[in-house]
């Protein structure tokens, strides 16, 4: 994951959420901190999907090409 480009205090992130949202899409992940402790990173859906492996649904050709049955000698009639 890209390291967060900007750091926000929680109260600022709440007050300026639209800006946080736009900045996340334009610049990448944003770090939000709370005075009493704790941090979260706000990231785009595309970045989340990439990190969790959901970035691409394989098409049927890719799925079959990567099947564990490839080269196993199994024949379908």
C-alpha atoms as a PDB file:
ATOM      1  CA  UNK A   1       0.000   0.000   0.000  1.00  0.00           C
ATOM      2  CA  UNK A   2       1.129   3.522  -0.650  1.00  0.00           C
ATOM      3  CA  UNK A   3       2.016   5.361   2.521  1.00  0.00           C
ATOM      4  CA  UNK A   4      -0.519   8.028   3.527  1.00  0.00           C
ATOM      5  CA  UNK A   5       0.183  11.365   1.858  1.00  0.00           C
ATOM      6  CA  UNK A   6      -1.619  13.573   4.359  1.00  0.00           C
ATOM      7  CA  UNK A   7      -2.404  13.414   8.041  1.00  0.00           C
ATOM      8  CA  UNK A   8      -5.724  14.646   9.421  1.00  0.00           C
ATOM      9  CA  UNK A   9      -6.918  15.167  12.977  1.00  0.00           C
ATOM     10  CA  UNK A  10     -10.211  13.355  13.491  1.00  0.00           C
ATOM     11  CA  UNK A  11     -12.109  16.568  14.197  1.00  0.00           C
ATOM     12  CA  UNK A  12     -10.798  18.103  10.945  1.00  0.00           C
ATOM     13  CA  UNK A  13     -11.596  14.961   8.969  1.00  0.00           C
ATOM     14  CA  UNK A  14     -15.190  15.057  10.244  1.00  0.00           C
ATOM     15  CA  UNK A  15     -15.594  18.768   9.563  1.00  0.00           C
ATOM     16  CA  UNK A  16     -14.037  18.574   6.093  1.00  0.00           C
ATOM     17  CA  UNK A  17     -15.068  15.094   4.984  1.00  0.00           C
ATOM     18  CA  UNK A  18     -15.754  16.095   1.371  1.00  0.00           C
ATOM     19  CA  UNK A  19     -12.222  17.435   1.101  1.00  0.00           C
ATOM     20  CA  UNK A  20     -10.825  14.277   2.709  1.00  0.00           C
ATOM     21  CA  UNK A  21     -12.813  12.204   0.210  1.00  0.00           C
ATOM     22  CA  UNK A  22     -11.569  14.200  -2.808  1.00  0.00           C
ATOM     23  CA  UNK A  23      -7.983  14.181  -1.565  1.00  0.00           C
ATOM     24  CA  UNK A  24      -8.076  10.416  -1.051  1.00  0.00           C
ATOM     25  CA  UNK A  25      -9.168   9.887  -4.641  1.00  0.00           C
ATOM     26  CA  UNK A  26      -6.679  12.399  -6.038  1.00  0.00           C
ATOM     27  CA  UNK A  27      -3.604  11.730  -3.908  1.00  0.00           C
ATOM     28  CA  UNK A  28      -4.032   8.331  -2.313  1.00  0.00           C
ATOM     29  CA  UNK A  29      -4.456   7.090   1.274  1.00  0.00           C
ATOM     30  CA  UNK A  30      -4.991   9.611   4.072  1.00  0.00           C
ATOM     31  CA  UNK A  31      -4.084   9.100   7.737  1.00  0.00           C
ATOM     32  CA  UNK A  32      -6.656  10.153  10.350  1.00  0.00           C
ATOM     33  CA  UNK A  33      -5.529  10.382  13.977  1.00  0.00           C
ATOM     34  CA  UNK A  34      -7.420  10.829  17.227  1.00  0.00           C
ATOM     35  CA  UNK A  35      -5.980  12.869  20.079  1.00  0.00           C
ATOM     36  CA  UNK A  36      -6.708  10.146  22.631  1.00  0.00           C
ATOM     37  CA  UNK A  37      -4.865   7.605  20.494  1.00  0.00           C
ATOM     38  CA  UNK A  38      -5.588   5.461  17.504  1.00  0.00           C
ATOM     39  CA  UNK A  39      -5.126   5.909  13.809  1.00  0.00           C
ATOM     40  CA  UNK A  40      -6.962   4.847  10.684  1.00  0.00           C
ATOM     41  CA  UNK A  41      -6.135   5.118   7.020  1.00  0.00           C
ATOM     42  CA  UNK A  42      -8.788   6.211   4.539  1.00  0.00           C
ATOM     43  CA  UNK A  43      -8.224   4.754   1.098  1.00  0.00           C
ATOM     44  CA  UNK A  44     -10.062   4.521  -2.196  1.00  0.00           C
ATOM     45  CA  UNK A  45     -12.143   1.511  -3.177  1.00  0.00           C
ATOM     46  CA  UNK A  46      -9.658   0.751  -5.969  1.00  0.00           C
ATOM     47  CA  UNK A  47      -6.778   0.654  -3.486  1.00  0.00           C
ATOM     48  CA  UNK A  48      -8.819  -1.498  -1.083  1.00  0.00           C
ATOM     49  CA  UNK A  49      -9.706  -3.933  -3.871  1.00  0.00           C
ATOM     50  CA  UNK A  50      -6.052  -4.129  -4.929  1.00  0.00           C
ATOM     51  CA  UNK A  51      -4.912  -4.860  -1.375  1.00  0.00           C
ATOM     52  CA  UNK A  52      -7.564  -7.507  -0.757  1.00  0.00           C
ATOM     53  CA  UNK A  53      -7.108  -9.251  -4.102  1.00  0.00           C
ATOM     54  CA  UNK A  54     -10.502  -8.167  -5.374  1.00  0.00           C
ATOM     55  CA  UNK A  55      -8.967  -5.873  -7.945  1.00  0.00           C
ATOM     56  CA  UNK A  56      -9.863  -8.042 -10.903  1.00  0.00           C
ATOM     57  CA  UNK A  57     -12.439 -10.677 -11.586  1.00  0.00           C
ATOM     58  CA  UNK A  58     -10.820 -13.188 -13.930  1.00  0.00           C
ATOM     59  CA  UNK A  59     -12.588 -13.775 -17.188  1.00  0.00           C
ATOM     60  CA  UNK A  60     -13.565 -17.322 -18.138  1.00  0.00           C
ATOM     61  CA  UNK A  61     -10.425 -17.847 -20.218  1.00  0.00           C
ATOM     62  CA  UNK A  62      -8.162 -16.787 -17.319  1.00  0.00           C
ATOM     63  CA  UNK A  63     -10.103 -18.963 -14.905  1.00  0.00           C
ATOM     64  CA  UNK A  64      -9.806 -22.057 -17.073  1.00  0.00           C
ATOM     65  CA  UNK A  65      -6.170 -21.365 -17.945  1.00  0.00           C
ATOM     66  CA  UNK A  66      -5.293 -21.229 -14.228  1.00  0.00           C
ATOM     67  CA  UNK A  67      -7.410 -24.231 -13.252  1.00  0.00           C
ATOM     68  CA  UNK A  68      -5.698 -26.908 -11.156  1.00  0.00           C
ATOM     69  CA  UNK A  69      -6.925 -29.438 -13.762  1.00  0.00           C
ATOM     70  CA  UNK A  70      -4.661 -28.006 -16.471  1.00  0.00           C
ATOM     71  CA  UNK A  71      -2.162 -30.708 -17.410  1.00  0.00           C
ATOM     72  CA  UNK A  72      -3.754 -33.312 -15.127  1.00  0.00           C
ATOM     73  CA  UNK A  73      -4.857 -35.522 -17.986  1.00  0.00           C
ATOM     74  CA  UNK A  74      -8.526 -35.317 -17.022  1.00  0.00           C
ATOM     75  CA  UNK A  75     -10.725 -35.562 -20.112  1.00  0.00           C
ATOM     76  CA  UNK A  76     -14.284 -34.375 -20.345  1.00  0.00           C
ATOM     77  CA  UNK A  77     -16.653 -35.924 -22.847  1.00  0.00           C
END
